[in-house]
């Protein structure tokens, strides 16, 4: 990671404005078309959840704003960020948080993520692997389609790790649509960047 030189940072004015706001984070929810990607996942016997984790993490890493983090009142930019995702604990109604490194290949990532979750067992969170800033917090709500969502969080103006969630996909006029939400710190990420991410994500989904 590299420390941002504030005096020459092109976002300094925007960051300075938003960093002291009581709640500088905002969330955007959209419906995305996963028709082709879902077909690809099923044909290759992959986990849709983990495959989509791989896809969205790759798209986020292409835009530097999603790799900014505020650490001890300073801003840093990571070269790459990795997923910290929720997973169910088999045989229970409980869940856990699993953190693993992002691989360059989707198939390899899905297998390694499954193994990391399996190795973690029923432990809710492995602090040794989760206590880091170069992550994105990810969860899903596969039981119903939603139009709005919130996250549990501490009141911390410097908390800058993005949070993602997506819901149940449904057939709408022959297209498989899925609600997708992203929460970010406005000092680091503007609506323009979220818009680019959503557009790029949809283009990638359509390419399968």
Protein backbone atom coordinates (compact mmCIF):
# COMPACT_ATOMS: atom_id res chain seq x y z
CA UNK A 1 0.00 0.00 0.00
CA UNK A 2 1.07 3.60 -0.44
CA UNK A 3 0.33 6.65 1.65
CA UNK A 4 -1.53 9.42 -0.15
CA UNK A 5 0.26 12.77 -0.21
CA UNK A 6 -2.61 14.96 0.85
CA UNK A 7 -1.16 18.24 -0.42
CA UNK A 8 -1.15 16.94 -4.01
CA UNK A 9 -4.19 14.64 -3.85
CA UNK A 10 -6.85 15.56 -6.38
CA UNK A 11 -9.61 14.56 -3.92
CA UNK A 12 -8.36 16.66 -1.01
CA UNK A 13 -11.23 19.18 -1.07
CA UNK A 14 -13.88 16.48 -1.37
CA UNK A 15 -12.26 14.32 1.30
CA UNK A 16 -11.87 17.30 3.67
CA UNK A 17 -15.55 18.13 3.30
CA UNK A 18 -16.90 14.64 3.95
CA UNK A 19 -14.42 13.33 6.54
CA UNK A 20 -15.99 15.28 9.42
CA UNK A 21 -19.63 14.59 8.59
CA UNK A 22 -21.34 12.50 11.29
CA UNK A 23 -22.24 9.77 8.79
CA UNK A 24 -20.00 10.04 5.71
CA UNK A 25 -21.06 6.68 4.29
CA UNK A 26 -23.82 6.20 1.73
CA UNK A 27 -25.43 3.23 0.00
CA UNK A 28 -26.78 2.64 -3.48
CA UNK A 29 -29.01 -0.29 -4.49
CA UNK A 30 -29.67 -1.35 -8.08
CA UNK A 31 -31.02 -4.37 -9.95
CA UNK A 32 -28.50 -6.16 -12.12
CA UNK A 33 -29.02 -8.72 -14.88
CA UNK A 34 -27.26 -12.01 -14.04
CA UNK A 35 -28.93 -14.13 -16.73
CA UNK A 36 -25.81 -15.10 -18.69
CA UNK A 37 -23.55 -15.36 -15.66
CA UNK A 38 -25.97 -17.63 -13.82
CA UNK A 39 -26.10 -19.92 -16.86
CA UNK A 40 -22.27 -20.03 -16.95
CA UNK A 41 -22.07 -20.81 -13.23
CA UNK A 42 -24.59 -23.64 -13.49
CA UNK A 43 -22.90 -25.17 -16.54
CA UNK A 44 -19.57 -25.20 -14.70
CA UNK A 45 -21.03 -26.45 -11.38
CA UNK A 46 -19.75 -23.43 -9.48
CA UNK A 47 -21.10 -21.66 -6.40
CA UNK A 48 -22.96 -18.60 -7.64
CA UNK A 49 -22.22 -16.76 -4.41
CA UNK A 50 -18.46 -17.30 -4.49
CA UNK A 51 -18.26 -16.79 -8.24
CA UNK A 52 -20.00 -13.45 -7.90
CA UNK A 53 -17.66 -12.55 -5.02
CA UNK A 54 -14.76 -13.15 -7.39
CA UNK A 55 -16.38 -11.11 -10.16
CA UNK A 56 -17.30 -8.05 -8.11
CA UNK A 57 -13.93 -7.99 -6.31
CA UNK A 58 -12.12 -7.94 -9.63
CA UNK A 59 -14.28 -5.09 -10.88
CA UNK A 60 -13.75 -3.08 -7.68
CA UNK A 61 -9.99 -3.53 -7.86
CA UNK A 62 -9.95 -1.92 -11.32
CA UNK A 63 -11.12 1.41 -9.84
CA UNK A 64 -8.60 2.95 -7.44
CA UNK A 65 -11.21 4.74 -5.32
CA UNK A 66 -12.46 1.40 -3.98
CA UNK A 67 -8.90 0.63 -2.84
CA UNK A 68 -8.56 3.75 -0.68
CA UNK A 69 -8.69 3.31 3.09
CA UNK A 70 -8.51 5.75 6.01
CA UNK A 71 -6.10 4.48 8.67
CA UNK A 72 -5.27 6.55 11.76
CA UNK A 73 -6.35 9.85 10.14
CA UNK A 74 -4.34 9.20 6.97
CA UNK A 75 -5.39 7.87 3.57
CA UNK A 76 -3.72 4.90 1.92
CA UNK A 77 -4.20 3.19 -1.42
CA UNK A 78 -3.86 -0.59 -1.60
CA UNK A 79 -2.65 -2.36 -4.71
CA UNK A 80 -5.34 -5.01 -4.31
CA UNK A 81 -8.23 -5.73 -1.97
CA UNK A 82 -9.68 -9.07 -0.90
CA UNK A 83 -13.07 -10.44 0.18
CA UNK A 84 -14.27 -10.98 3.73
CA UNK A 85 -17.57 -12.76 3.23
CA UNK A 86 -20.27 -14.33 5.35
CA UNK A 87 -20.96 -18.04 5.06
CA UNK A 88 -23.43 -20.36 6.75
CA UNK A 89 -22.31 -22.84 9.39
CA UNK A 90 -23.46 -26.27 8.24
CA UNK A 91 -26.22 -27.87 10.31
CA UNK A 92 -27.11 -24.63 12.11
CA UNK A 93 -28.89 -21.34 11.54
CA UNK A 94 -25.68 -19.49 12.36
CA UNK A 95 -23.13 -17.83 10.10
CA UNK A 96 -19.46 -16.91 10.12
CA UNK A 97 -17.17 -14.35 8.50
CA UNK A 98 -14.50 -15.80 6.23
CA UNK A 99 -11.56 -13.80 4.89
CA UNK A 100 -9.41 -15.06 2.06
CA UNK A 101 -7.13 -13.70 -0.62
CA UNK A 102 -8.46 -13.01 -4.09
CA UNK A 103 -7.01 -15.34 -6.72
CA UNK A 104 -6.48 -14.50 -10.40
CA UNK A 105 -8.64 -17.41 -11.58
CA UNK A 106 -12.32 -17.82 -10.72
CA UNK A 107 -12.25 -21.61 -10.44
CA UNK A 108 -9.19 -21.52 -8.20
CA UNK A 109 -10.70 -18.80 -6.03
CA UNK A 110 -13.97 -20.68 -5.52
CA UNK A 111 -12.13 -23.81 -4.43
CA UNK A 112 -9.78 -21.98 -2.08
CA UNK A 113 -12.62 -19.93 -0.58
CA UNK A 114 -14.62 -23.11 0.06
CA UNK A 115 -11.61 -24.70 1.71
CA UNK A 116 -10.92 -21.64 3.86
CA UNK A 117 -14.52 -21.71 5.08
CA UNK A 118 -14.31 -25.44 5.75
CA UNK A 119 -11.05 -25.06 7.68
CA UNK A 120 -12.56 -22.29 9.82
CA UNK A 121 -15.27 -24.64 11.01
CA UNK A 122 -17.84 -23.06 13.31
CA UNK A 123 -15.64 -20.16 14.45
CA UNK A 124 -17.54 -16.93 13.87
CA UNK A 125 -14.49 -14.90 12.84
CA UNK A 126 -10.79 -15.68 12.56
CA UNK A 127 -9.30 -12.42 13.80
CA UNK A 128 -5.82 -13.43 12.67
CA UNK A 129 -6.94 -13.31 9.03
CA UNK A 130 -9.77 -10.75 9.24
CA UNK A 131 -8.05 -7.93 11.12
CA UNK A 132 -6.87 -5.98 8.07
CA UNK A 133 -7.86 -2.98 5.97
CA UNK A 134 -7.37 -4.37 2.45
CA UNK A 135 -10.72 -6.14 2.48
CA UNK A 136 -14.30 -5.62 1.34
CA UNK A 137 -17.11 -6.87 3.60
CA UNK A 138 -19.57 -9.03 1.69
CA UNK A 139 -22.83 -10.77 2.53
CA UNK A 140 -25.98 -11.92 0.77
CA UNK A 141 -29.71 -12.11 1.46
CA UNK A 142 -30.86 -15.03 -0.73
CA UNK A 143 -34.29 -15.48 0.87
CA UNK A 144 -36.11 -12.58 -0.79
CA UNK A 145 -35.74 -9.75 -3.25
CA UNK A 146 -35.26 -6.40 -1.53
CA UNK A 147 -35.23 -2.74 -2.54
CA UNK A 148 -33.50 -1.28 0.52
CA UNK A 149 -30.97 -2.52 3.07
CA UNK A 150 -28.86 -1.22 5.97
CA UNK A 151 -25.81 -2.59 7.78
CA UNK A 152 -24.88 -2.84 11.44
CA UNK A 153 -21.91 -0.59 12.13
CA UNK A 154 -20.05 1.48 14.69
CA UNK A 155 -20.32 5.26 14.52
CA UNK A 156 -16.85 5.81 13.13
CA UNK A 157 -16.19 8.61 10.63
CA UNK A 158 -12.99 6.90 9.49
CA UNK A 159 -14.50 3.51 8.77
CA UNK A 160 -13.82 3.21 5.06
CA UNK A 161 -14.12 -0.47 4.14
CA UNK A 162 -16.81 -0.92 1.46
CA UNK A 163 -19.74 -3.22 2.22
CA UNK A 164 -21.59 -5.27 -0.38
CA UNK A 165 -24.81 -7.26 -0.25
CA UNK A 166 -27.01 -8.88 -2.87
CA UNK A 167 -30.36 -10.62 -2.68
CA UNK A 168 -32.51 -13.29 -4.26
CA UNK A 169 -32.60 -13.23 -8.05
CA UNK A 170 -35.93 -13.51 -9.85
CA UNK A 171 -37.13 -14.01 -13.41
CA UNK A 172 -38.46 -10.75 -14.81
CA UNK A 173 -39.70 -10.99 -18.40
CA UNK A 174 -37.13 -13.64 -19.27
CA UNK A 175 -34.22 -11.93 -17.50
CA UNK A 176 -32.75 -13.05 -14.17
CA UNK A 177 -32.50 -9.91 -12.07
CA UNK A 178 -30.79 -9.53 -8.69
CA UNK A 179 -30.70 -6.61 -6.21
CA UNK A 180 -27.16 -5.42 -5.51
CA UNK A 181 -26.11 -2.86 -2.88
CA UNK A 182 -22.84 -1.11 -2.18
CA UNK A 183 -21.96 1.09 0.80
CA UNK A 184 -18.90 3.36 0.64
CA UNK A 185 -17.27 6.37 2.30
CA UNK A 186 -18.08 9.55 0.37
CA UNK A 187 -14.70 11.05 1.19
CA UNK A 188 -13.13 8.35 -0.96
CA UNK A 189 -15.79 7.25 -3.43
CA UNK A 190 -18.28 9.38 -5.36
CA UNK A 191 -21.47 8.40 -7.16
CA UNK A 192 -19.49 8.58 -10.41
CA UNK A 193 -17.25 5.74 -9.25
CA UNK A 194 -20.16 3.64 -8.02
CA UNK A 195 -21.85 4.23 -11.36
CA UNK A 196 -18.75 3.13 -13.26
CA UNK A 197 -18.51 0.02 -11.11
CA UNK A 198 -22.13 -0.93 -11.76
CA UNK A 199 -21.78 -0.31 -15.51
CA UNK A 200 -18.54 -2.30 -15.72
CA UNK A 201 -20.02 -5.09 -13.63
CA UNK A 202 -23.05 -5.35 -15.88
CA UNK A 203 -20.88 -5.37 -19.01
CA UNK A 204 -18.78 -8.18 -17.56
CA UNK A 205 -21.88 -10.16 -16.56
CA UNK A 206 -23.22 -9.78 -20.09
CA UNK A 207 -19.99 -11.13 -21.58
CA UNK A 208 -20.51 -14.68 -20.26
